[in-house]
Amino acid sequence: MQDAAILNRNFLLQAREAAKKPEGGLTTGLSPTMLKRIGDMTNAEIEQFSQLLPITMFTLRVDTAALDRILETSKTKPVAAASYLVSALAR
């Protein structure tokens, strides 16, 4: 459970920073409303919330086929793999 809390804390801290940027929704996968709320959270609130859930608050946002394609492409064309990942997330 402590590992999940650490991941949740880091995710919330990153989301709070992402809330300040126009691309925050793309980088986090969160709605503008959720980004706004997390952006307004204090360190104490982030710490408290991150400890509440025994599971991570985030998930992979690509399917297995996209993940396989990204991994295969990254072996020979890392830049192309990164571009593909961004385009897959933007869908």
PDB file of N, CA and C in Angstrom:
ATOM      1  N   MET A   1       0.829  -1.195   0.000  1.00  0.00           N
ATOM      2  CA  MET A   1       0.000   0.000   0.000  1.00  0.00           C
ATOM      3  C   MET A   1       0.868   1.252   0.000  1.00  0.00           C
ATOM      4  N   GLN A   2       2.018   1.187   0.620  1.00  0.00           N
ATOM      5  CA  GLN A   2       2.893   2.358   0.663  1.00  0.00           C
ATOM      6  C   GLN A   2       3.390   2.721  -0.730  1.00  0.00           C
ATOM      7  N   ASP A   3       3.636   1.705  -1.578  1.00  0.00           N
ATOM      8  CA  ASP A   3       4.060   1.987  -2.948  1.00  0.00           C
ATOM      9  C   ASP A   3       2.988   2.766  -3.702  1.00  0.00           C
ATOM     10  N   ALA A   4       1.722   2.372  -3.527  1.00  0.00           N
ATOM     11  CA  ALA A   4       0.620   3.081  -4.179  1.00  0.00           C
ATOM     12  C   ALA A   4       0.542   4.516  -3.677  1.00  0.00           C
ATOM     13  N   ALA A   5       0.743   4.724  -2.399  1.00  0.00           N
ATOM     14  CA  ALA A   5       0.700   6.079  -1.833  1.00  0.00           C
ATOM     15  C   ALA A   5       1.797   6.954  -2.426  1.00  0.00           C
ATOM     16  N   ILE A   6       2.977   6.392  -2.596  1.00  0.00           N
ATOM     17  CA  ILE A   6       4.084   7.151  -3.191  1.00  0.00           C
ATOM     18  C   ILE A   6       3.763   7.506  -4.634  1.00  0.00           C
ATOM     19  N   LEU A   7       3.259   6.530  -5.385  1.00  0.00           N
ATOM     20  CA  LEU A   7       2.885   6.797  -6.778  1.00  0.00           C
ATOM     21  C   LEU A   7       1.778   7.840  -6.854  1.00  0.00           C
ATOM     22  N   ASN A   8       0.772   7.716  -5.996  1.00  0.00           N
ATOM     23  CA  ASN A   8      -0.328   8.680  -5.984  1.00  0.00           C
ATOM     24  C   ASN A   8       0.164  10.084  -5.650  1.00  0.00           C
ATOM     25  N   ARG A   9       1.027  10.191  -4.659  1.00  0.00           N
ATOM     26  CA  ARG A   9       1.569  11.505  -4.284  1.00  0.00           C
ATOM     27  C   ARG A   9       2.313  12.125  -5.463  1.00  0.00           C
ATOM     28  N   ASN A  10       3.181  11.339  -6.086  1.00  0.00           N
ATOM     29  CA  ASN A  10       3.941  11.857  -7.224  1.00  0.00           C
ATOM     30  C   ASN A  10       3.025  12.255  -8.372  1.00  0.00           C
ATOM     31  N   PHE A  11       2.003  11.434  -8.640  1.00  0.00           N
ATOM     32  CA  PHE A  11       1.061  11.762  -9.703  1.00  0.00           C
ATOM     33  C   PHE A  11       0.324  13.063  -9.392  1.00  0.00           C
ATOM     34  N   LEU A  12      -0.149  13.211  -8.175  1.00  0.00           N
ATOM     35  CA  LEU A  12      -0.872  14.427  -7.803  1.00  0.00           C
ATOM     36  C   LEU A  12       0.021  15.661  -7.863  1.00  0.00           C
ATOM     37  N   LEU A  13       1.256  15.526  -7.441  1.00  0.00           N
ATOM     38  CA  LEU A  13       2.189  16.659  -7.531  1.00  0.00           C
ATOM     39  C   LEU A  13       2.446  17.031  -8.985  1.00  0.00           C
ATOM     40  N   GLN A  14       2.627  16.029  -9.836  1.00  0.00           N
ATOM     41  CA  GLN A  14       2.827  16.296 -11.265  1.00  0.00           C
ATOM     42  C   GLN A  14       1.563  16.904 -11.877  1.00  0.00           C
ATOM     43  N   ALA A  15       0.407  16.388 -11.491  1.00  0.00           N
ATOM     44  CA  ALA A  15      -0.855  16.919 -12.014  1.00  0.00           C
ATOM     45  C   ALA A  15      -1.054  18.365 -11.578  1.00  0.00           C
ATOM     46  N   ARG A  16      -0.674  18.678 -10.354  1.00  0.00           N
ATOM     47  CA  ARG A  16      -0.800  20.063  -9.877  1.00  0.00           C
ATOM     48  C   ARG A  16       0.059  20.993 -10.725  1.00  0.00           C
ATOM     49  N   GLU A  17       1.263  20.573 -11.063  1.00  0.00           N
ATOM     50  CA  GLU A  17       2.128  21.372 -11.938  1.00  0.00           C
ATOM     51  C   GLU A  17       1.553  21.435 -13.349  1.00  0.00           C
ATOM     52  N   ALA A  18       1.039  20.313 -13.836  1.00  0.00           N
ATOM     53  CA  ALA A  18       0.474  20.262 -15.187  1.00  0.00           C
ATOM     54  C   ALA A  18      -0.753  21.161 -15.311  1.00  0.00           C
ATOM     55  N   ALA A  19      -1.464  21.364 -14.212  1.00  0.00           N
ATOM     56  CA  ALA A  19      -2.659  22.209 -14.226  1.00  0.00           C
ATOM     57  C   ALA A  19      -2.339  23.641 -14.622  1.00  0.00           C
ATOM     58  N   LYS A  20      -1.083  24.037 -14.488  1.00  0.00           N
ATOM     59  CA  LYS A  20      -0.662  25.399 -14.824  1.00  0.00           C
ATOM     60  C   LYS A  20      -0.357  25.562 -16.311  1.00  0.00           C
ATOM     61  N   LYS A  21      -0.389  24.456 -17.066  1.00  0.00           N
ATOM     62  CA  LYS A  21       0.019  24.489 -18.471  1.00  0.00           C
ATOM     63  C   LYS A  21      -1.145  24.116 -19.380  1.00  0.00           C
ATOM     64  N   PRO A  22      -1.177  24.692 -20.584  1.00  0.00           N
ATOM     65  CA  PRO A  22      -2.266  24.388 -21.509  1.00  0.00           C
ATOM     66  C   PRO A  22      -2.356  22.909 -21.882  1.00  0.00           C
ATOM     67  N   GLU A  23      -1.218  22.227 -21.923  1.00  0.00           N
ATOM     68  CA  GLU A  23      -1.218  20.814 -22.316  1.00  0.00           C
ATOM     69  C   GLU A  23      -1.446  19.880 -21.125  1.00  0.00           C
ATOM     70  N   GLY A  24      -1.841  20.419 -19.989  1.00  0.00           N
ATOM     71  CA  GLY A  24      -2.029  19.620 -18.780  1.00  0.00           C
ATOM     72  C   GLY A  24      -2.978  18.450 -18.941  1.00  0.00           C
ATOM     73  N   GLY A  25      -4.056  18.654 -19.667  1.00  0.00           N
ATOM     74  CA  GLY A  25      -5.012  17.567 -19.891  1.00  0.00           C
ATOM     75  C   GLY A  25      -4.415  16.428 -20.688  1.00  0.00           C
ATOM     76  N   LEU A  26      -3.627  16.771 -21.693  1.00  0.00           N
ATOM     77  CA  LEU A  26      -2.992  15.742 -22.517  1.00  0.00           C
ATOM     78  C   LEU A  26      -1.951  14.974 -21.720  1.00  0.00           C
ATOM     79  N   THR A  27      -1.151  15.685 -20.948  1.00  0.00           N
ATOM     80  CA  THR A  27      -0.071  15.006 -20.232  1.00  0.00           C
ATOM     81  C   THR A  27      -0.568  14.173 -19.055  1.00  0.00           C
ATOM     82  N   THR A  28      -1.704  14.523 -18.485  1.00  0.00           N
ATOM     83  CA  THR A  28      -2.206  13.778 -17.327  1.00  0.00           C
ATOM     84  C   THR A  28      -3.388  12.874 -17.638  1.00  0.00           C
ATOM     85  N   GLY A  29      -4.138  13.197 -18.687  1.00  0.00           N
ATOM     86  CA  GLY A  29      -5.355  12.450 -18.975  1.00  0.00           C
ATOM     87  C   GLY A  29      -6.533  12.886 -18.118  1.00  0.00           C
ATOM     88  N   LEU A  30      -6.369  13.986 -17.416  1.00  0.00           N
ATOM     89  CA  LEU A  30      -7.420  14.471 -16.524  1.00  0.00           C
ATOM     90  C   LEU A  30      -8.260  15.549 -17.199  1.00  0.00           C
ATOM     91  N   SER A  31      -9.513  15.640 -16.778  1.00  0.00           N
ATOM     92  CA  SER A  31     -10.408  16.666 -17.306  1.00  0.00           C
ATOM     93  C   SER A  31      -9.971  18.038 -16.801  1.00  0.00           C
ATOM     94  N   PRO A  32     -10.363  19.099 -17.509  1.00  0.00           N
ATOM     95  CA  PRO A  32     -10.032  20.446 -17.038  1.00  0.00           C
ATOM     96  C   PRO A  32     -10.553  20.715 -15.618  1.00  0.00           C
ATOM     97  N   THR A  33     -11.740  20.208 -15.312  1.00  0.00           N
ATOM     98  CA  THR A  33     -12.312  20.402 -13.980  1.00  0.00           C
ATOM     99  C   THR A  33     -11.458  19.724 -12.910  1.00  0.00           C
ATOM    100  N   MET A  34     -11.039  18.487 -13.187  1.00  0.00           N
ATOM    101  CA  MET A  34     -10.208  17.762 -12.223  1.00  0.00           C
ATOM    102  C   MET A  34      -8.838  18.420 -12.092  1.00  0.00           C
ATOM    103  N   LEU A  35      -8.271  18.861 -13.217  1.00  0.00           N
ATOM    104  CA  LEU A  35      -6.978  19.551 -13.159  1.00  0.00           C
ATOM    105  C   LEU A  35      -7.070  20.813 -12.308  1.00  0.00           C
ATOM    106  N   LYS A  36      -8.153  21.549 -12.479  1.00  0.00           N
ATOM    107  CA  LYS A  36      -8.346  22.776 -11.692  1.00  0.00           C
ATOM    108  C   LYS A  36      -8.384  22.443 -10.209  1.00  0.00           C
ATOM    109  N   ARG A  37      -9.136  21.404  -9.863  1.00  0.00           N
ATOM    110  CA  ARG A  37      -9.261  21.024  -8.447  1.00  0.00           C
ATOM    111  C   ARG A  37      -7.922  20.586  -7.878  1.00  0.00           C
ATOM    112  N   ILE A  38      -7.206  19.735  -8.615  1.00  0.00           N
ATOM    113  CA  ILE A  38      -5.896  19.282  -8.144  1.00  0.00           C
ATOM    114  C   ILE A  38      -4.919  20.457  -8.113  1.00  0.00           C
ATOM    115  N   GLY A  39      -5.034  21.355  -9.082  1.00  0.00           N
ATOM    116  CA  GLY A  39      -4.174  22.532  -9.116  1.00  0.00           C
ATOM    117  C   GLY A  39      -4.327  23.416  -7.892  1.00  0.00           C
ATOM    118  N   ASP A  40      -5.494  23.367  -7.270  1.00  0.00           N
ATOM    119  CA  ASP A  40      -5.768  24.171  -6.078  1.00  0.00           C
ATOM    120  C   ASP A  40      -5.438  23.452  -4.766  1.00  0.00           C
ATOM    121  N   MET A  41      -5.022  22.188  -4.850  1.00  0.00           N
ATOM    122  CA  MET A  41      -4.751  21.415  -3.628  1.00  0.00           C
ATOM    123  C   MET A  41      -3.465  21.880  -2.940  1.00  0.00           C
ATOM    124  N   THR A  42      -3.485  21.839  -1.629  1.00  0.00           N
ATOM    125  CA  THR A  42      -2.288  22.143  -0.842  1.00  0.00           C
ATOM    126  C   THR A  42      -1.436  20.879  -0.729  1.00  0.00           C
ATOM    127  N   ASN A  43      -0.211  21.046  -0.278  1.00  0.00           N
ATOM    128  CA  ASN A  43       0.647  19.877  -0.049  1.00  0.00           C
ATOM    129  C   ASN A  43       0.014  18.925   0.962  1.00  0.00           C
ATOM    130  N   ALA A  44      -0.597  19.472   1.993  1.00  0.00           N
ATOM    131  CA  ALA A  44      -1.235  18.637   3.017  1.00  0.00           C
ATOM    132  C   ALA A  44      -2.396  17.836   2.430  1.00  0.00           C
ATOM    133  N   GLU A  45      -3.193  18.472   1.572  1.00  0.00           N
ATOM    134  CA  GLU A  45      -4.307  17.762   0.937  1.00  0.00           C
ATOM    135  C   GLU A  45      -3.798  16.655   0.022  1.00  0.00           C
ATOM    136  N   ILE A  46      -2.753  16.950  -0.732  1.00  0.00           N
ATOM    137  CA  ILE A  46      -2.170  15.934  -1.614  1.00  0.00           C
ATOM    138  C   ILE A  46      -1.659  14.761  -0.790  1.00  0.00           C
ATOM    139  N   GLU A  47      -0.980  15.045   0.290  1.00  0.00           N
ATOM    140  CA  GLU A  47      -0.454  13.977   1.156  1.00  0.00           C
ATOM    141  C   GLU A  47      -1.587  13.136   1.724  1.00  0.00           C
ATOM    142  N   GLN A  48      -2.615  13.795   2.235  1.00  0.00           N
ATOM    143  CA  GLN A  48      -3.748  13.079   2.823  1.00  0.00           C
ATOM    144  C   GLN A  48      -4.447  12.216   1.777  1.00  0.00           C
ATOM    145  N   PHE A  49      -4.742  12.792   0.626  1.00  0.00           N
ATOM    146  CA  PHE A  49      -5.470  12.073  -0.419  1.00  0.00           C
ATOM    147  C   PHE A  49      -4.657  10.906  -0.958  1.00  0.00           C
ATOM    148  N   SER A  50      -3.358  11.098  -1.103  1.00  0.00           N
ATOM    149  CA  SER A  50      -2.517  10.032  -1.658  1.00  0.00           C
ATOM    150  C   SER A  50      -2.468   8.818  -0.735  1.00  0.00           C
ATOM    151  N   GLN A  51      -2.658   9.024   0.555  1.00  0.00           N
ATOM    152  CA  GLN A  51      -2.617   7.923   1.521  1.00  0.00           C
ATOM    153  C   GLN A  51      -3.942   7.160   1.620  1.00  0.00           C
ATOM    154  N   LEU A  52      -5.022   7.736   1.104  1.00  0.00           N
ATOM    155  CA  LEU A  52      -6.348   7.141   1.282  1.00  0.00           C
ATOM    156  C   LEU A  52      -6.603   5.897   0.441  1.00  0.00           C
ATOM    157  N   LEU A  53      -6.066   5.863  -0.762  1.00  0.00           N
ATOM    158  CA  LEU A  53      -6.387   4.772  -1.679  1.00  0.00           C
ATOM    159  C   LEU A  53      -5.298   3.711  -1.707  1.00  0.00           C
ATOM    160  N   PRO A  54      -5.676   2.441  -1.606  1.00  0.00           N
ATOM    161  CA  PRO A  54      -4.680   1.368  -1.668  1.00  0.00           C
ATOM    162  C   PRO A  54      -4.315   0.990  -3.102  1.00  0.00           C
ATOM    163  N   ILE A  55      -4.839   1.758  -4.070  1.00  0.00           N
ATOM    164  CA  ILE A  55      -4.558   1.510  -5.486  1.00  0.00           C
ATOM    165  C   ILE A  55      -4.062   2.802  -6.122  1.00  0.00           C
ATOM    166  N   THR A  56      -3.447   2.691  -7.298  1.00  0.00           N
ATOM    167  CA  THR A  56      -2.978   3.897  -7.976  1.00  0.00           C
ATOM    168  C   THR A  56      -4.151   4.651  -8.587  1.00  0.00           C
ATOM    169  N   MET A  57      -3.996   5.960  -8.700  1.00  0.00           N
ATOM    170  CA  MET A  57      -5.045   6.832  -9.229  1.00  0.00           C
ATOM    171  C   MET A  57      -4.976   6.989 -10.740  1.00  0.00           C
ATOM    172  N   PHE A  58      -4.024   6.338 -11.373  1.00  0.00           N
ATOM    173  CA  PHE A  58      -3.848   6.521 -12.810  1.00  0.00           C
ATOM    174  C   PHE A  58      -3.755   5.164 -13.488  1.00  0.00           C
ATOM    175  N   THR A  59      -3.851   5.180 -14.812  1.00  0.00           N
ATOM    176  CA  THR A  59      -3.809   3.952 -15.592  1.00  0.00           C
ATOM    177  C   THR A  59      -3.139   4.227 -16.934  1.00  0.00           C
ATOM    178  N   LEU A  60      -2.722   3.169 -17.616  1.00  0.00           N
ATOM    179  CA  LEU A  60      -2.196   3.348 -18.971  1.00  0.00           C
ATOM    180  C   LEU A  60      -3.326   3.808 -19.874  1.00  0.00           C
ATOM    181  N   ARG A  61      -3.023   4.689 -20.796  1.00  0.00           N
ATOM    182  CA  ARG A  61      -4.060   5.243 -21.664  1.00  0.00           C
ATOM    183  C   ARG A  61      -3.941   4.765 -23.097  1.00  0.00           C
ATOM    184  N   VAL A  62      -3.168   3.721 -23.326  1.00  0.00           N
ATOM    185  CA  VAL A  62      -3.086   3.121 -24.661  1.00  0.00           C
ATOM    186  C   VAL A  62      -3.463   1.655 -24.537  1.00  0.00           C
ATOM    187  N   ASP A  63      -3.968   1.090 -25.640  1.00  0.00           N
ATOM    188  CA  ASP A  63      -4.308  -0.325 -25.603  1.00  0.00           C
ATOM    189  C   ASP A  63      -3.063  -1.178 -25.862  1.00  0.00           C
ATOM    190  N   THR A  64      -3.221  -2.479 -25.778  1.00  0.00           N
ATOM    191  CA  THR A  64      -2.090  -3.396 -25.915  1.00  0.00           C
ATOM    192  C   THR A  64      -1.430  -3.286 -27.280  1.00  0.00           C
ATOM    193  N   ALA A  65      -2.235  -3.154 -28.335  1.00  0.00           N
ATOM    194  CA  ALA A  65      -1.674  -3.044 -29.687  1.00  0.00           C
ATOM    195  C   ALA A  65      -0.805  -1.794 -29.812  1.00  0.00           C
ATOM    196  N   ALA A  66      -1.275  -0.680 -29.281  1.00  0.00           N
ATOM    197  CA  ALA A  66      -0.490   0.557 -29.341  1.00  0.00           C
ATOM    198  C   ALA A  66       0.777   0.430 -28.508  1.00  0.00           C
ATOM    199  N   LEU A  67       0.680  -0.181 -27.347  1.00  0.00           N
ATOM    200  CA  LEU A  67       1.852  -0.379 -26.501  1.00  0.00           C
ATOM    201  C   LEU A  67       2.897  -1.229 -27.224  1.00  0.00           C
ATOM    202  N   ASP A  68       2.453  -2.319 -27.853  1.00  0.00           N
ATOM    203  CA  ASP A  68       3.382  -3.177 -28.599  1.00  0.00           C
ATOM    204  C   ASP A  68       4.044  -2.417 -29.740  1.00  0.00           C
ATOM    205  N   ARG A  69       3.250  -1.620 -30.455  1.00  0.00           N
ATOM    206  CA  ARG A  69       3.806  -0.853 -31.575  1.00  0.00           C
ATOM    207  C   ARG A  69       4.836   0.170 -31.084  1.00  0.00           C
ATOM    208  N   ILE A  70       4.537   0.834 -30.007  1.00  0.00           N
ATOM    209  CA  ILE A  70       5.462   1.828 -29.448  1.00  0.00           C
ATOM    210  C   ILE A  70       6.763   1.161 -29.015  1.00  0.00           C
ATOM    211  N   LEU A  71       6.654   0.041 -28.325  1.00  0.00           N
ATOM    212  CA  LEU A  71       7.857  -0.662 -27.864  1.00  0.00           C
ATOM    213  C   LEU A  71       8.704  -1.147 -29.035  1.00  0.00           C
ATOM    214  N   GLU A  72       8.072  -1.688 -30.061  1.00  0.00           N
ATOM    215  CA  GLU A  72       8.808  -2.185 -31.229  1.00  0.00           C
ATOM    216  C   GLU A  72       9.467  -1.027 -31.984  1.00  0.00           C
ATOM    217  N   THR A  73       8.726   0.043 -32.202  1.00  0.00           N
ATOM    218  CA  THR A  73       9.262   1.196 -32.923  1.00  0.00           C
ATOM    219  C   THR A  73      10.399   1.855 -32.151  1.00  0.00           C
ATOM    220  N   SER A  74      10.312   1.855 -30.835  1.00  0.00           N
ATOM    221  CA  SER A  74      11.332   2.528 -30.025  1.00  0.00           C
ATOM    222  C   SER A  74      12.707   1.875 -30.148  1.00  0.00           C
ATOM    223  N   LYS A  75      12.748   0.624 -30.576  1.00  0.00           N
ATOM    224  CA  LYS A  75      14.032  -0.069 -30.728  1.00  0.00           C
ATOM    225  C   LYS A  75      14.872   0.526 -31.850  1.00  0.00           C
ATOM    226  N   THR A  76      14.215   1.003 -32.905  1.00  0.00           N
ATOM    227  CA  THR A  76      14.948   1.534 -34.059  1.00  0.00           C
ATOM    228  C   THR A  76      14.701   3.012 -34.314  1.00  0.00           C
ATOM    229  N   LYS A  77      13.549   3.504 -33.891  1.00  0.00           N
ATOM    230  CA  LYS A  77      13.186   4.900 -34.161  1.00  0.00           C
ATOM    231  C   LYS A  77      12.553   5.522 -32.914  1.00  0.00           C
ATOM    232  N   PRO A  78      13.361   5.840 -31.911  1.00  0.00           N
ATOM    233  CA  PRO A  78      12.794   6.373 -30.664  1.00  0.00           C
ATOM    234  C   PRO A  78      11.961   7.639 -30.846  1.00  0.00           C
ATOM    235  N   VAL A  79      12.387   8.511 -31.739  1.00  0.00           N
ATOM    236  CA  VAL A  79      11.635   9.756 -31.954  1.00  0.00           C
ATOM    237  C   VAL A  79      10.273   9.446 -32.558  1.00  0.00           C
ATOM    238  N   ALA A  80      10.242   8.517 -33.506  1.00  0.00           N
ATOM    239  CA  ALA A  80       8.971   8.128 -34.116  1.00  0.00           C
ATOM    240  C   ALA A  80       8.053   7.477 -33.077  1.00  0.00           C
ATOM    241  N   ALA A  81       8.624   6.686 -32.187  1.00  0.00           N
ATOM    242  CA  ALA A  81       7.823   6.043 -31.141  1.00  0.00           C
ATOM    243  C   ALA A  81       7.204   7.089 -30.218  1.00  0.00           C
ATOM    244  N   ALA A  82       7.978   8.096 -29.871  1.00  0.00           N
ATOM    245  CA  ALA A  82       7.459   9.165 -29.012  1.00  0.00           C
ATOM    246  C   ALA A  82       6.335   9.921 -29.711  1.00  0.00           C
ATOM    247  N   SER A  83       6.505  10.196 -30.997  1.00  0.00           N
ATOM    248  CA  SER A  83       5.463  10.888 -31.764  1.00  0.00           C
ATOM    249  C   SER A  83       4.197  10.049 -31.840  1.00  0.00           C
ATOM    250  N   TYR A  84       4.374   8.749 -32.074  1.00  0.00           N
ATOM    251  CA  TYR A  84       3.217   7.860 -32.144  1.00  0.00           C
ATOM    252  C   TYR A  84       2.482   7.828 -30.804  1.00  0.00           C
ATOM    253  N   LEU A  85       3.224   7.787 -29.719  1.00  0.00           N
ATOM    254  CA  LEU A  85       2.608   7.760 -28.398  1.00  0.00           C
ATOM    255  C   LEU A  85       1.777   9.011 -28.158  1.00  0.00           C
ATOM    256  N   VAL A  86       2.326  10.163 -28.508  1.00  0.00           N
ATOM    257  CA  VAL A  86       1.578  11.415 -28.336  1.00  0.00           C
ATOM    258  C   VAL A  86       0.314  11.400 -29.182  1.00  0.00           C
ATOM    259  N   SER A  87       0.419  10.929 -30.427  1.00  0.00           N
ATOM    260  CA  SER A  87      -0.772  10.894 -31.283  1.00  0.00           C
ATOM    261  C   SER A  87      -1.797   9.897 -30.751  1.00  0.00           C
ATOM    262  N   ALA A  88      -1.346   8.779 -30.198  1.00  0.00           N
ATOM    263  CA  ALA A  88      -2.272   7.800 -29.627  1.00  0.00           C
ATOM    264  C   ALA A  88      -2.993   8.381 -28.420  1.00  0.00           C
ATOM    265  N   LEU A  89      -2.299   9.146 -27.611  1.00  0.00           N
ATOM    266  CA  LEU A  89      -2.912   9.742 -26.426  1.00  0.00           C
ATOM    267  C   LEU A  89      -3.876  10.865 -26.778  1.00  0.00           C
ATOM    268  N   ALA A  90      -3.624  11.531 -27.887  1.00  0.00           N
ATOM    269  CA  ALA A  90      -4.459  12.665 -28.281  1.00  0.00           C
ATOM    270  C   ALA A  90      -5.802  12.231 -28.857  1.00  0.00           C
ATOM    271  N   ARG A  91      -5.953  10.967 -29.154  1.00  0.00           N
ATOM    272  CA  ARG A  91      -7.221  10.470 -29.737  1.00  0.00           C
ATOM    273  C   ARG A  91      -8.357  10.526 -28.768  1.00  0.00           C
TER     274      ARG A  91
END
